[in-house]
Amino acid sequence: MANEIAAAVADAWDEIERWYEAQGAAHLILPPASGEQIAALETTLGVELPEAVTASLRRHNGSTDGGWPTGTLLSCDGILQEVSVWRDLLTSGDFDDLKDFVADGEALKRSSQLEVPVVWCCVAD
């Protein structure tokens, strides 16, 4: 299964790279993340990333700021920064009074895991 996932990610990146090249924007996608960067990300997050995410990071460690059609494809460092912001917000109590962030009377800040953001999306006005 891991080989199938890696092949699917490689095929997707081949298509993405062709599109970026055709736009003259290949410089907007970053070089690969190192094995050490991915391992540090997993250690800091306390989770093993899905194979598709690690395969993608091994191909390109995100994009430059605003270098993805809908915003920024986060690098290992970008993922850590986003998770840190969300964890800080959840533990600060900022969302305790919002129904969307409360499940069974317990604020999501008490959850042991936080989803890993990969793409920071921006919407134009």
Foldseek 3Di string as FASTA:
>chain_A
DLVVLLVVLVVVVVVVCVVCVVVVRNQFWAAADDPVLQVVLCVVQVHNDPSNVNSNNRGTQKGHAQSDPFTTFHGSVRQVVVVVVVLVCQVVCVCLPPPVQDDPNHGCNPPPHDDGDGGDGDDDD
